[in-house]
C-alpha atoms as a PDB file:
ATOM      1  CA  MET A   1     -34.950 -36.903 -72.915  1.00  0.00           C
ATOM      2  CA  ALA A   2     -38.435 -37.093 -73.876  1.00  0.00           C
ATOM      3  CA  VAL A   3     -41.327 -37.021 -70.996  1.00  0.00           C
ATOM      4  CA  PRO A   4     -43.846 -39.655 -71.281  1.00  0.00           C
ATOM      5  CA  ALA A   5     -47.595 -38.078 -71.698  1.00  0.00           C
ATOM      6  CA  HIS A   6     -49.021 -38.779 -68.549  1.00  0.00           C
ATOM      7  CA  ASP A   7     -45.621 -38.075 -66.576  1.00  0.00           C
ATOM      8  CA  GLN A   8     -45.968 -34.764 -68.779  1.00  0.00           C
ATOM      9  CA  SER A   9     -49.594 -33.966 -67.493  1.00  0.00           C
ATOM     10  CA  ALA A  10     -48.398 -34.689 -64.205  1.00  0.00           C
ATOM     11  CA  HIS A  11     -45.167 -32.314 -64.630  1.00  0.00           C
ATOM     12  CA  ASP A  12     -47.346 -29.615 -66.171  1.00  0.00           C
ATOM     13  CA  SER A  13     -49.904 -30.153 -62.646  1.00  0.00           C
ATOM     14  CA  GLY A  14     -47.490 -29.701 -60.538  1.00  0.00           C
ATOM     15  CA  ALA A  15     -45.916 -26.875 -62.027  1.00  0.00           C
ATOM     16  CA  ARG A  16     -49.089 -24.765 -61.939  1.00  0.00           C
ATOM     17  CA  VAL A  17     -49.549 -25.946 -58.129  1.00  0.00           C
ATOM     18  CA  ALA A  18     -46.255 -24.732 -57.324  1.00  0.00           C
ATOM     19  CA  HIS A  19     -47.218 -21.661 -59.345  1.00  0.00           C
ATOM     20  CA  ASP A  20     -50.161 -20.985 -57.703  1.00  0.00           C
ATOM     21  CA  ALA A  21     -48.433 -21.640 -54.171  1.00  0.00           C
ATOM     22  CA  GLY A  22     -45.980 -18.882 -55.320  1.00  0.00           C
ATOM     23  CA  ARG A  23     -48.564 -16.368 -56.557  1.00  0.00           C
ATOM     24  CA  ILE A  24     -50.837 -17.364 -52.907  1.00  0.00           C
ATOM     25  CA  GLN A  25     -47.291 -16.952 -50.907  1.00  0.00           C
ATOM     26  CA  ASN A  26     -46.521 -13.517 -52.319  1.00  0.00           C
ATOM     27  CA  LEU A  27     -50.036 -12.220 -51.851  1.00  0.00           C
ATOM     28  CA  VAL A  28     -50.449 -12.942 -48.293  1.00  0.00           C
ATOM     29  CA  MET A  29     -46.766 -11.496 -47.658  1.00  0.00           C
ATOM     30  CA  VAL A  30     -47.997  -8.251 -49.589  1.00  0.00           C
ATOM     31  CA  THR A  31     -51.238  -8.335 -47.544  1.00  0.00           C
ATOM     32  CA  ALA A  32     -49.254  -8.497 -44.371  1.00  0.00           C
ATOM     33  CA  ARG A  33     -46.976  -5.831 -45.529  1.00  0.00           C
ATOM     34  CA  THR A  34     -49.701  -3.512 -45.938  1.00  0.00           C
ATOM     35  CA  TRP A  35     -51.328  -4.296 -42.613  1.00  0.00           C
ATOM     36  CA  LYS A  36     -48.365  -3.250 -41.154  1.00  0.00           C
ATOM     37  CA  ILE A  37     -48.122  -0.108 -42.899  1.00  0.00           C
ATOM     38  CA  LEU A  38     -51.605   0.212 -41.884  1.00  0.00           C
ATOM     39  CA  LEU A  39     -50.940  -0.342 -38.297  1.00  0.00           C
ATOM     40  CA  VAL A  40     -48.106   2.459 -38.283  1.00  0.00           C
ATOM     41  CA  LEU A  41     -50.717   4.825 -39.546  1.00  0.00           C
ATOM     42  CA  ILE A  42     -52.694   3.920 -36.620  1.00  0.00           C
ATOM     43  CA  ALA A  43     -49.946   4.641 -34.353  1.00  0.00           C
ATOM     44  CA  MET A  44     -49.289   7.831 -36.309  1.00  0.00           C
ATOM     45  CA  SER A  45     -52.976   8.769 -35.970  1.00  0.00           C
ATOM     46  CA  TRP A  46     -52.676   8.187 -32.213  1.00  0.00           C
ATOM     47  CA  GLY A  47     -49.877   9.875 -31.612  1.00  0.00           C
ATOM     48  CA  VAL A  48     -51.575  13.325 -33.467  1.00  0.00           C
ATOM     49  CA  GLY A  49     -54.476  12.623 -31.193  1.00  0.00           C
ATOM     50  CA  PHE A  50     -52.702  13.832 -28.325  1.00  0.00           C
ATOM     51  CA  PRO A  51     -52.348  17.473 -29.558  1.00  0.00           C
ATOM     52  CA  LEU A  52     -55.688  17.659 -30.961  1.00  0.00           C
ATOM     53  CA  THR A  53     -57.318  16.651 -27.999  1.00  0.00           C
ATOM     54  CA  LYS A  54     -55.240  19.210 -25.999  1.00  0.00           C
ATOM     55  CA  ASN A  55     -56.698  21.840 -27.829  1.00  0.00           C
ATOM     56  CA  ALA A  56     -60.144  20.506 -28.199  1.00  0.00           C
ATOM     57  CA  LEU A  57     -59.811  20.292 -24.447  1.00  0.00           C
ATOM     58  CA  ALA A  58     -59.529  24.420 -24.218  1.00  0.00           C
ATOM     59  CA  GLU A  59     -63.408  24.433 -25.659  1.00  0.00           C
ATOM     60  CA  ALA A  60     -64.689  21.501 -24.063  1.00  0.00           C
ATOM     61  CA  PRO A  61     -64.470  19.564 -20.682  1.00  0.00           C
ATOM     62  CA  VAL A  62     -63.116  16.365 -20.361  1.00  0.00           C
ATOM     63  CA  PHE A  63     -66.713  14.161 -20.017  1.00  0.00           C
ATOM     64  CA  SER A  64     -68.462  16.159 -22.602  1.00  0.00           C
ATOM     65  CA  PHE A  65     -65.479  15.299 -25.038  1.00  0.00           C
ATOM     66  CA  LEU A  66     -65.591  11.694 -24.373  1.00  0.00           C
ATOM     67  CA  PHE A  67     -69.050  12.007 -25.188  1.00  0.00           C
ATOM     68  CA  LEU A  68     -68.916  13.280 -28.555  1.00  0.00           C
ATOM     69  CA  ARG A  69     -66.021  11.263 -29.614  1.00  0.00           C
ATOM     70  CA  PHE A  70     -66.831   7.986 -28.943  1.00  0.00           C
ATOM     71  CA  THR A  71     -70.621   8.091 -29.837  1.00  0.00           C
ATOM     72  CA  LEU A  72     -69.959   9.391 -33.474  1.00  0.00           C
ATOM     73  CA  ALA A  73     -67.216   6.251 -33.403  1.00  0.00           C
ATOM     74  CA  ALA A  74     -69.923   3.959 -32.059  1.00  0.00           C
ATOM     75  CA  ILE A  75     -72.278   5.598 -34.729  1.00  0.00           C
ATOM     76  CA  VAL A  76     -69.738   4.714 -37.459  1.00  0.00           C
ATOM     77  CA  MET A  77     -69.313   1.395 -36.749  1.00  0.00           C
ATOM     78  CA  LEU A  78     -73.095   0.299 -36.834  1.00  0.00           C
ATOM     79  CA  PRO A  79     -72.956  -1.128 -40.235  1.00  0.00           C
ATOM     80  CA  TRP A  80     -70.134  -3.993 -39.221  1.00  0.00           C
ATOM     81  CA  ILE A  81     -72.038  -4.344 -35.646  1.00  0.00           C
ATOM     82  CA  ILE A  82     -75.300  -5.054 -37.543  1.00  0.00           C
ATOM     83  CA  ILE A  83     -73.359  -7.865 -39.348  1.00  0.00           C
ATOM     84  CA  ALA A  84     -72.310  -9.176 -36.381  1.00  0.00           C
ATOM     85  CA  ILE A  85     -75.534  -9.480 -34.548  1.00  0.00           C
ATOM     86  CA  ARG A  86     -76.174 -12.983 -36.785  1.00  0.00           C
ATOM     87  CA  LYS A  87     -73.120 -14.303 -35.270  1.00  0.00           C
ATOM     88  CA  PRO A  88     -73.610 -16.621 -32.337  1.00  0.00           C
ATOM     89  CA  ASN A  89     -72.810 -15.624 -29.193  1.00  0.00           C
ATOM     90  CA  PHE A  90     -73.132 -12.147 -30.038  1.00  0.00           C
ATOM     91  CA  HIS A  91     -75.329 -11.194 -26.461  1.00  0.00           C
ATOM     92  CA  ARG A  92     -72.546 -12.882 -24.612  1.00  0.00           C
ATOM     93  CA  ASP A  93     -69.777 -10.837 -26.606  1.00  0.00           C
ATOM     94  CA  VAL A  94     -71.942  -7.680 -25.739  1.00  0.00           C
ATOM     95  CA  ALA A  95     -72.217  -8.614 -22.234  1.00  0.00           C
ATOM     96  CA  PHE A  96     -68.415  -9.173 -21.794  1.00  0.00           C
ATOM     97  CA  GLY A  97     -67.796  -6.333 -24.147  1.00  0.00           C
ATOM     98  CA  LEU A  98     -69.496  -3.889 -21.667  1.00  0.00           C
ATOM     99  CA  GLY A  99     -67.728  -5.488 -18.794  1.00  0.00           C
ATOM    100  CA  LEU A 100     -64.245  -4.293 -20.732  1.00  0.00           C
ATOM    101  CA  GLY A 101     -65.928  -0.910 -21.513  1.00  0.00           C
ATOM    102  CA  VAL A 102     -65.505   0.560 -18.232  1.00  0.00           C
ATOM    103  CA  ALA A 103     -62.053  -0.054 -17.706  1.00  0.00           C
ATOM    104  CA  VAL A 104     -61.658   1.572 -21.347  1.00  0.00           C
ATOM    105  CA  PHE A 105     -63.836   4.932 -19.904  1.00  0.00           C
ATOM    106  CA  VAL A 106     -61.711   4.368 -16.500  1.00  0.00           C
ATOM    107  CA  GLY A 107     -58.501   4.857 -18.760  1.00  0.00           C
ATOM    108  CA  TYR A 108     -59.781   7.325 -21.243  1.00  0.00           C
ATOM    109  CA  ALA A 109     -61.122   9.582 -18.441  1.00  0.00           C
ATOM    110  CA  LEU A 110     -57.727   9.470 -16.618  1.00  0.00           C
ATOM    111  CA  GLN A 111     -55.821   9.946 -19.754  1.00  0.00           C
ATOM    112  CA  THR A 112     -58.293  12.708 -20.838  1.00  0.00           C
ATOM    113  CA  MET A 113     -58.207  14.290 -17.147  1.00  0.00           C
ATOM    114  CA  GLY A 114     -54.093  14.167 -17.133  1.00  0.00           C
ATOM    115  CA  LEU A 115     -53.478  15.705 -20.396  1.00  0.00           C
ATOM    116  CA  GLU A 116     -55.651  18.950 -19.148  1.00  0.00           C
ATOM    117  CA  ARG A 117     -52.633  18.813 -16.753  1.00  0.00           C
ATOM    118  CA  THR A 118     -49.448  17.856 -18.284  1.00  0.00           C
ATOM    119  CA  SER A 119     -48.053  18.267 -21.716  1.00  0.00           C
ATOM    120  CA  VAL A 120     -48.654  16.380 -24.783  1.00  0.00           C
ATOM    121  CA  THR A 121     -45.331  14.838 -24.388  1.00  0.00           C
ATOM    122  CA  HIS A 122     -45.462  13.323 -21.102  1.00  0.00           C
ATOM    123  CA  THR A 123     -49.008  12.103 -21.644  1.00  0.00           C
ATOM    124  CA  ALA A 124     -47.586   9.930 -24.999  1.00  0.00           C
ATOM    125  CA  PHE A 125     -44.714   8.508 -23.188  1.00  0.00           C
ATOM    126  CA  LEU A 126     -46.665   7.562 -19.700  1.00  0.00           C
ATOM    127  CA  THR A 127     -49.434   6.363 -21.478  1.00  0.00           C
ATOM    128  CA  GLY A 128     -47.113   3.509 -23.148  1.00  0.00           C
ATOM    129  CA  LEU A 129     -46.669   2.263 -19.253  1.00  0.00           C
ATOM    130  CA  TYR A 130     -49.650  -0.010 -19.785  1.00  0.00           C
ATOM    131  CA  SER A 131     -47.027  -2.416 -21.506  1.00  0.00           C
ATOM    132  CA  VAL A 132     -44.864  -2.477 -18.917  1.00  0.00           C
ATOM    133  CA  PHE A 133     -48.092  -2.752 -16.329  1.00  0.00           C
ATOM    134  CA  THR A 134     -49.723  -5.765 -18.246  1.00  0.00           C
ATOM    135  CA  PRO A 135     -47.467  -8.888 -17.521  1.00  0.00           C
ATOM    136  CA  LEU A 136     -46.875  -7.911 -13.997  1.00  0.00           C
ATOM    137  CA  LEU A 137     -50.705  -6.951 -12.824  1.00  0.00           C
ATOM    138  CA  ASP A 138     -50.953 -10.844 -14.597  1.00  0.00           C
ATOM    139  CA  TRP A 139     -48.205 -12.210 -12.554  1.00  0.00           C
ATOM    140  CA  ILE A 140     -50.496 -10.534  -9.020  1.00  0.00           C
ATOM    141  CA  ILE A 141     -53.832 -11.493 -10.362  1.00  0.00           C
ATOM    142  CA  TYR A 142     -53.282 -15.005 -12.419  1.00  0.00           C
ATOM    143  CA  ARG A 143     -49.806 -15.919 -11.197  1.00  0.00           C
ATOM    144  CA  LYS A 144     -48.874 -15.714 -14.651  1.00  0.00           C
ATOM    145  CA  ARG A 145     -44.668 -16.480 -14.853  1.00  0.00           C
ATOM    146  CA  LEU A 146     -42.738 -13.292 -15.570  1.00  0.00           C
ATOM    147  CA  GLN A 147     -39.773 -13.024 -18.228  1.00  0.00           C
ATOM    148  CA  ARG A 148     -36.543 -11.854 -17.164  1.00  0.00           C
ATOM    149  CA  GLN A 149     -36.651  -9.182 -19.379  1.00  0.00           C
ATOM    150  CA  THR A 150     -39.917  -8.019 -17.921  1.00  0.00           C
ATOM    151  CA  PHE A 151     -37.878  -7.149 -14.581  1.00  0.00           C
ATOM    152  CA  ALA A 152     -35.367  -5.010 -16.758  1.00  0.00           C
ATOM    153  CA  ALA A 153     -38.287  -3.095 -18.857  1.00  0.00           C
ATOM    154  CA  VAL A 154     -39.952  -2.464 -15.431  1.00  0.00           C
ATOM    155  CA  LEU A 155     -36.548  -1.016 -14.038  1.00  0.00           C
ATOM    156  CA  LEU A 156     -35.868   1.173 -17.551  1.00  0.00           C
ATOM    157  CA  ALA A 157     -39.536   2.478 -16.846  1.00  0.00           C
ATOM    158  CA  LEU A 158     -38.613   3.814 -13.347  1.00  0.00           C
ATOM    159  CA  LEU A 159     -35.392   5.223 -14.400  1.00  0.00           C
ATOM    160  CA  GLY A 160     -37.317   7.064 -17.351  1.00  0.00           C
ATOM    161  CA  LEU A 161     -40.341   8.037 -14.398  1.00  0.00           C
ATOM    162  CA  TRP A 162     -37.351   9.406 -12.386  1.00  0.00           C
ATOM    163  CA  PHE A 163     -36.150  11.636 -15.590  1.00  0.00           C
ATOM    164  CA  ILE A 164     -39.371  13.052 -16.392  1.00  0.00           C
ATOM    165  CA  SER A 165     -40.065  14.088 -12.921  1.00  0.00           C
ATOM    166  CA  GLY A 166     -36.922  16.166 -13.053  1.00  0.00           C
ATOM    167  CA  MET A 167     -34.363  13.885 -11.564  1.00  0.00           C
ATOM    168  CA  LYS A 168     -36.658  14.889  -8.051  1.00  0.00           C
ATOM    169  CA  ASP A 169     -37.375  12.131  -5.802  1.00  0.00           C
ATOM    170  CA  PHE A 170     -40.192  11.192  -8.208  1.00  0.00           C
ATOM    171  CA  HIS A 171     -42.024  14.390  -7.615  1.00  0.00           C
ATOM    172  CA  LEU A 172     -44.726  13.842 -10.695  1.00  0.00           C
ATOM    173  CA  GLN A 173     -47.511  16.567 -11.318  1.00  0.00           C
ATOM    174  CA  LEU A 174     -50.715  15.495 -10.781  1.00  0.00           C
ATOM    175  CA  GLY A 175     -51.497  15.244 -14.488  1.00  0.00           C
ATOM    176  CA  ASP A 176     -48.232  12.965 -14.601  1.00  0.00           C
ATOM    177  CA  LEU A 177     -49.745  10.945 -12.246  1.00  0.00           C
ATOM    178  CA  LEU A 178     -53.660  10.613 -13.734  1.00  0.00           C
ATOM    179  CA  VAL A 179     -51.694   9.498 -16.666  1.00  0.00           C
ATOM    180  CA  ILE A 180     -49.915   6.508 -14.784  1.00  0.00           C
ATOM    181  CA  LEU A 181     -53.262   5.413 -13.954  1.00  0.00           C
ATOM    182  CA  CYS A 182     -54.752   5.877 -17.039  1.00  0.00           C
ATOM    183  CA  ALA A 183     -51.806   3.170 -18.520  1.00  0.00           C
ATOM    184  CA  LEU A 184     -52.680   0.763 -15.358  1.00  0.00           C
ATOM    185  CA  SER A 185     -56.697   0.675 -16.427  1.00  0.00           C
ATOM    186  CA  PHE A 186     -55.499  -0.261 -19.832  1.00  0.00           C
ATOM    187  CA  SER A 187     -53.858  -2.688 -18.567  1.00  0.00           C
ATOM    188  CA  PHE A 188     -56.520  -4.453 -16.637  1.00  0.00           C
ATOM    189  CA  GLN A 189     -58.724  -4.603 -19.909  1.00  0.00           C
ATOM    190  CA  ILE A 190     -55.676  -6.056 -21.839  1.00  0.00           C
ATOM    191  CA  ILE A 191     -55.414  -8.570 -19.554  1.00  0.00           C
ATOM    192  CA  TRP A 192     -59.652  -9.166 -19.210  1.00  0.00           C
ATOM    193  CA  LEU A 193     -59.480  -8.890 -23.047  1.00  0.00           C
ATOM    194  CA  SER A 194     -56.936 -11.838 -23.600  1.00  0.00           C
ATOM    195  CA  ARG A 195     -59.244 -14.064 -20.999  1.00  0.00           C
ATOM    196  CA  ALA A 196     -62.269 -13.508 -23.638  1.00  0.00           C
ATOM    197  CA  PRO A 197     -64.495 -16.341 -24.126  1.00  0.00           C
ATOM    198  CA  PRO A 198     -63.304 -19.049 -27.350  1.00  0.00           C
ATOM    199  CA  GLY A 199     -65.054 -17.481 -30.262  1.00  0.00           C
ATOM    200  CA  SER A 200     -65.895 -14.154 -29.257  1.00  0.00           C
ATOM    201  CA  SER A 201     -65.959 -11.733 -32.106  1.00  0.00           C
ATOM    202  CA  SER A 202     -63.362  -8.826 -32.120  1.00  0.00           C
ATOM    203  CA  THR A 203     -65.851  -6.040 -33.933  1.00  0.00           C
ATOM    204  CA  THR A 204     -68.591  -6.930 -31.489  1.00  0.00           C
ATOM    205  CA  LEU A 205     -66.136  -6.324 -28.342  1.00  0.00           C
ATOM    206  CA  ALA A 206     -64.618  -3.304 -29.848  1.00  0.00           C
ATOM    207  CA  PHE A 207     -67.917  -1.851 -31.037  1.00  0.00           C
ATOM    208  CA  THR A 208     -69.347  -2.628 -27.214  1.00  0.00           C
ATOM    209  CA  GLN A 209     -66.320  -1.074 -25.783  1.00  0.00           C
ATOM    210  CA  VAL A 210     -66.330   2.236 -27.864  1.00  0.00           C
ATOM    211  CA  ALA A 211     -70.084   2.513 -27.204  1.00  0.00           C
ATOM    212  CA  ALA A 212     -69.465   2.018 -23.251  1.00  0.00           C
ATOM    213  CA  ILE A 213     -66.924   4.920 -23.092  1.00  0.00           C
ATOM    214  CA  GLY A 214     -69.846   7.056 -24.823  1.00  0.00           C
ATOM    215  CA  LEU A 215     -72.839   5.752 -22.459  1.00  0.00           C
ATOM    216  CA  LEU A 216     -71.033   5.877 -19.343  1.00  0.00           C
ATOM    217  CA  SER A 217     -69.561  10.229 -20.271  1.00  0.00           C
ATOM    218  CA  LEU A 218     -72.945  11.364 -20.856  1.00  0.00           C
ATOM    219  CA  PRO A 219     -74.093  11.479 -17.458  1.00  0.00           C
ATOM    220  CA  SER A 220     -70.842  12.964 -16.422  1.00  0.00           C
ATOM    221  CA  ALA A 221     -71.427  15.462 -19.170  1.00  0.00           C
ATOM    222  CA  ILE A 222     -75.044  16.369 -18.105  1.00  0.00           C
ATOM    223  CA  TYR A 223     -74.441  16.390 -14.119  1.00  0.00           C
ATOM    224  CA  LEU A 224     -71.014  17.795 -13.817  1.00  0.00           C
ATOM    225  CA  GLU A 225     -70.128  19.892 -16.797  1.00  0.00           C
ATOM    226  CA  ASN A 226     -73.060  21.379 -17.707  1.00  0.00           C
ATOM    227  CA  PHE A 227     -72.927  19.986 -21.008  1.00  0.00           C
ATOM    228  CA  GLN A 228     -73.938  21.540 -24.411  1.00  0.00           C
ATOM    229  CA  TRP A 229     -74.793  20.502 -28.187  1.00  0.00           C
ATOM    230  CA  VAL A 230     -73.475  23.390 -30.657  1.00  0.00           C
ATOM    231  CA  PRO A 231     -70.867  26.165 -29.178  1.00  0.00           C
ATOM    232  CA  PHE A 232     -67.943  24.751 -30.568  1.00  0.00           C
ATOM    233  CA  SER A 233     -65.531  25.940 -33.013  1.00  0.00           C
ATOM    234  CA  SER A 234     -65.093  24.140 -36.695  1.00  0.00           C
ATOM    235  CA  GLY A 235     -61.305  23.151 -35.155  1.00  0.00           C
ATOM    236  CA  PHE A 236     -63.192  21.244 -32.856  1.00  0.00           C
ATOM    237  CA  TRP A 237     -65.390  19.453 -34.361  1.00  0.00           C
ATOM    238  CA  TRP A 238     -62.689  18.782 -36.915  1.00  0.00           C
ATOM    239  CA  ALA A 239     -60.605  17.410 -34.069  1.00  0.00           C
ATOM    240  CA  ILE A 240     -63.959  14.840 -32.809  1.00  0.00           C
ATOM    241  CA  ILE A 241     -64.354  13.717 -36.505  1.00  0.00           C
ATOM    242  CA  PHE A 242     -60.821  12.820 -36.774  1.00  0.00           C
ATOM    243  CA  MET A 243     -60.349  11.087 -33.248  1.00  0.00           C
ATOM    244  CA  ALA A 244     -63.641   9.266 -33.669  1.00  0.00           C
ATOM    245  CA  VAL A 245     -63.478   7.755 -37.093  1.00  0.00           C
ATOM    246  CA  VAL A 246     -59.661   7.426 -37.388  1.00  0.00           C
ATOM    247  CA  GLY A 247     -58.446   7.204 -33.771  1.00  0.00           C
ATOM    248  CA  SER A 248     -61.850   5.152 -32.931  1.00  0.00           C
ATOM    249  CA  SER A 249     -63.640   3.062 -35.550  1.00  0.00           C
ATOM    250  CA  ILE A 250     -61.130   3.009 -38.194  1.00  0.00           C
ATOM    251  CA  SER A 251     -58.052   2.132 -35.837  1.00  0.00           C
ATOM    252  CA  PHE A 252     -59.964  -0.671 -33.902  1.00  0.00           C
ATOM    253  CA  LEU A 253     -61.399  -2.495 -37.018  1.00  0.00           C
ATOM    254  CA  ILE A 254     -58.019  -2.338 -38.796  1.00  0.00           C
ATOM    255  CA  GLN A 255     -56.493  -3.553 -35.794  1.00  0.00           C
ATOM    256  CA  SER A 256     -58.654  -6.572 -35.197  1.00  0.00           C
ATOM    257  CA  GLU A 257     -58.115  -7.532 -38.910  1.00  0.00           C
ATOM    258  CA  ALA A 258     -54.435  -7.026 -39.087  1.00  0.00           C
ATOM    259  CA  GLN A 259     -54.336  -9.512 -36.172  1.00  0.00           C
ATOM    260  CA  LYS A 260     -55.716 -12.330 -38.703  1.00  0.00           C
ATOM    261  CA  SER A 261     -52.236 -11.485 -40.716  1.00  0.00           C
ATOM    262  CA  VAL A 262     -49.900 -10.175 -38.493  1.00  0.00           C
ATOM    263  CA  PRO A 263     -48.298 -12.104 -35.259  1.00  0.00           C
ATOM    264  CA  PRO A 264     -49.753 -10.268 -32.286  1.00  0.00           C
ATOM    265  CA  THR A 265     -46.111  -9.276 -30.790  1.00  0.00           C
ATOM    266  CA  GLN A 266     -45.765  -7.778 -34.191  1.00  0.00           C
ATOM    267  CA  VAL A 267     -48.784  -5.543 -33.997  1.00  0.00           C
ATOM    268  CA  ALA A 268     -47.909  -4.861 -30.265  1.00  0.00           C
ATOM    269  CA  LEU A 269     -44.299  -3.490 -31.369  1.00  0.00           C
ATOM    270  CA  ILE A 270     -45.896  -1.371 -34.311  1.00  0.00           C
ATOM    271  CA  LEU A 271     -48.499   0.078 -32.245  1.00  0.00           C
ATOM    272  CA  LEU A 272     -46.206   0.768 -29.244  1.00  0.00           C
ATOM    273  CA  THR A 273     -44.657   3.531 -31.623  1.00  0.00           C
ATOM    274  CA  GLU A 274     -47.403   5.510 -30.631  1.00  0.00           C
ATOM    275  CA  PRO A 275     -45.645   7.781 -27.582  1.00  0.00           C
ATOM    276  CA  LEU A 276     -42.741   8.612 -30.266  1.00  0.00           C
ATOM    277  CA  TRP A 277     -45.275   9.803 -32.927  1.00  0.00           C
ATOM    278  CA  GLY A 278     -47.055  11.742 -29.835  1.00  0.00           C
ATOM    279  CA  ALA A 279     -43.963  13.295 -28.854  1.00  0.00           C
ATOM    280  CA  VAL A 280     -43.171  14.139 -32.371  1.00  0.00           C
ATOM    281  CA  ALA A 281     -46.660  15.858 -32.766  1.00  0.00           C
ATOM    282  CA  GLY A 282     -46.391  17.609 -29.621  1.00  0.00           C
ATOM    283  CA  GLY A 283     -43.176  19.433 -30.983  1.00  0.00           C
ATOM    284  CA  VAL A 284     -44.793  20.245 -34.339  1.00  0.00           C
ATOM    285  CA  MET A 285     -48.266  21.068 -33.520  1.00  0.00           C
ATOM    286  CA  SER A 286     -48.243  22.183 -29.955  1.00  0.00           C
ATOM    287  CA  HIS A 287     -44.992  23.676 -29.741  1.00  0.00           C
ATOM    288  CA  GLU A 288     -43.970  21.993 -26.640  1.00  0.00           C
ATOM    289  CA  ARG A 289     -40.435  22.767 -25.503  1.00  0.00           C
ATOM    290  CA  LEU A 290     -39.787  20.448 -22.533  1.00  0.00           C
ATOM    291  CA  PRO A 291     -36.322  20.050 -20.608  1.00  0.00           C
ATOM    292  CA  TRP A 292     -34.167  17.316 -21.798  1.00  0.00           C
ATOM    293  CA  THR A 293     -34.848  15.563 -18.590  1.00  0.00           C
ATOM    294  CA  SER A 294     -38.294  14.676 -20.076  1.00  0.00           C
ATOM    295  CA  TYR A 295     -36.796  13.351 -23.169  1.00  0.00           C
ATOM    296  CA  MET A 296     -34.786  11.359 -21.674  1.00  0.00           C
ATOM    297  CA  GLY A 297     -37.122   9.884 -19.484  1.00  0.00           C
ATOM    298  CA  GLY A 298     -39.307   9.153 -22.437  1.00  0.00           C
ATOM    299  CA  GLY A 299     -36.859   7.591 -24.778  1.00  0.00           C
ATOM    300  CA  LEU A 300     -35.981   5.126 -21.297  1.00  0.00           C
ATOM    301  CA  LEU A 301     -39.993   4.898 -21.143  1.00  0.00           C
ATOM    302  CA  ILE A 302     -39.919   3.651 -25.056  1.00  0.00           C
ATOM    303  CA  VAL A 303     -36.920   1.233 -24.730  1.00  0.00           C
ATOM    304  CA  GLY A 304     -38.729  -0.489 -21.757  1.00  0.00           C
ATOM    305  CA  VAL A 305     -41.884  -0.544 -23.190  1.00  0.00           C
ATOM    306  CA  LEU A 306     -40.345  -2.243 -26.606  1.00  0.00           C
ATOM    307  CA  LEU A 307     -38.394  -4.615 -23.932  1.00  0.00           C
ATOM    308  CA  SER A 308     -41.673  -5.482 -22.334  1.00  0.00           C
ATOM    309  CA  GLU A 309     -42.841  -6.802 -25.506  1.00  0.00           C
ATOM    310  CA  PHE A 310     -40.070  -8.130 -27.642  1.00  0.00           C
ATOM    311  CA  PRO A 311     -39.777 -11.965 -28.003  1.00  0.00           C
ATOM    312  CA  LEU A 312     -36.174 -11.605 -26.545  1.00  0.00           C
ATOM    313  CA  GLN A 313     -36.211 -15.746 -25.758  1.00  0.00           C
ATOM    314  CA  ARG A 314     -37.240 -16.573 -29.122  1.00  0.00           C
ATOM    315  CA  PHE A 315     -34.476 -14.538 -30.990  1.00  0.00           C
ATOM    316  CA  LEU A 316     -31.679 -15.622 -28.690  1.00  0.00           C
ATOM    317  CA  LYS A 317     -32.977 -19.322 -29.418  1.00  0.00           C
ATOM    318  CA  LYS A 318     -33.140 -18.477 -33.663  1.00  0.00           C
ATOM    319  CA  LEU A 319     -29.743 -16.562 -33.303  1.00  0.00           C
ATOM    320  CA  LYS A 320     -28.289 -19.794 -31.410  1.00  0.00           C
ATOM    321  CA  ASP A 321     -29.505 -21.686 -33.993  1.00  0.00           C
ATOM    322  CA  ILE A 322     -28.695 -19.997 -36.882  1.00  0.00           C
ATOM    323  CA  THR A 323     -24.902 -19.851 -35.492  1.00  0.00           C
ATOM    324  CA  SER A 324     -25.196 -23.395 -34.677  1.00  0.00           C
ATOM    325  CA  LYS A 325     -25.742 -24.593 -38.757  1.00  0.00           C
ATOM    326  CA  ARG A 326     -23.003 -21.802 -39.676  1.00  0.00           C
ATOM    327  CA  ASN A 327     -20.644 -23.858 -37.434  1.00  0.00           C
ATOM    328  CA  ARG A 328     -21.703 -27.002 -38.847  1.00  0.00           C
ATOM    329  CA  LYS A 329     -21.232 -26.174 -42.151  1.00  0.00           C
ATOM    330  CA  GLN A 330     -17.519 -24.744 -41.784  1.00  0.00           C
ATOM    331  CA  LYS A 331     -16.745 -27.603 -40.008  1.00  0.00           C
ATOM    332  CA  THR A 332     -18.318 -29.868 -43.364  1.00  0.00           C
ATOM    333  CA  TYR A 333     -16.429 -27.908 -45.645  1.00  0.00           C
ATOM    334  CA  GLY A 334     -13.027 -26.961 -43.517  1.00  0.00           C
END
């Protein structure tokens, strides 16, 4: 049947709108998929960073390493922060970011000192405990309701720690204890960051934290470690450049942009693969050979960490809805 002229025009317009909407949806899907791939690469770079840092610490002490890494990272981020200066509430965000920077500085200092004293694999696994500690601290400090799966995650984490200790009454090495405290410090930073003032610039907060780590490391590097500028090998500088540019600057910027297209839970789950990449990198790059209990404990820690972030209740609700719809269809056509 022929379509009247005005109806034909409306039909064509509607078709164009539907076509454009489909193109936009596909573009968004591709963009989200691309961000997820980039997030996986970030997690991989963080995992590779563990053995690189371990090797670099053979040439430079802890605070000298942190100063060089995060000062270079702040310099790389300068173009973005120059743009952010024009945004409203810039000075407020800088002040808030400096407070966060103190917590992150303590975390990185403890992590790096722990890495000096324990294996790359243990450091990678134990750092991931921040995901288990965060809901517990949120409950203790702000009385935020705990989900049931959090308790299961804590039990798995404790069981994992027992295996890592060699199943000897939780007798952990000093390096392991320092990394656990590092995870605790990162948890405080996450809790405070989640309470950032409305409208805060993620770029400003990221830059301020990175710059704070560099600045806070300098006094200790000078007075405690007799800091020197140049006498490091080319391998050391390549490690510094990789950790500063890829592991810090680019990672912070990609993460802040990715969260605009990817749900926070998915971002967290992807980044929580960092311990797995760290363990792989430790075996390949540092040739670590640990007892089976360490890998068993690390596996339990990863399961506990993923469980703490997985939206279990929403998943079960969705599964229930799908089952209900299927049962209704079977009754209708049965």
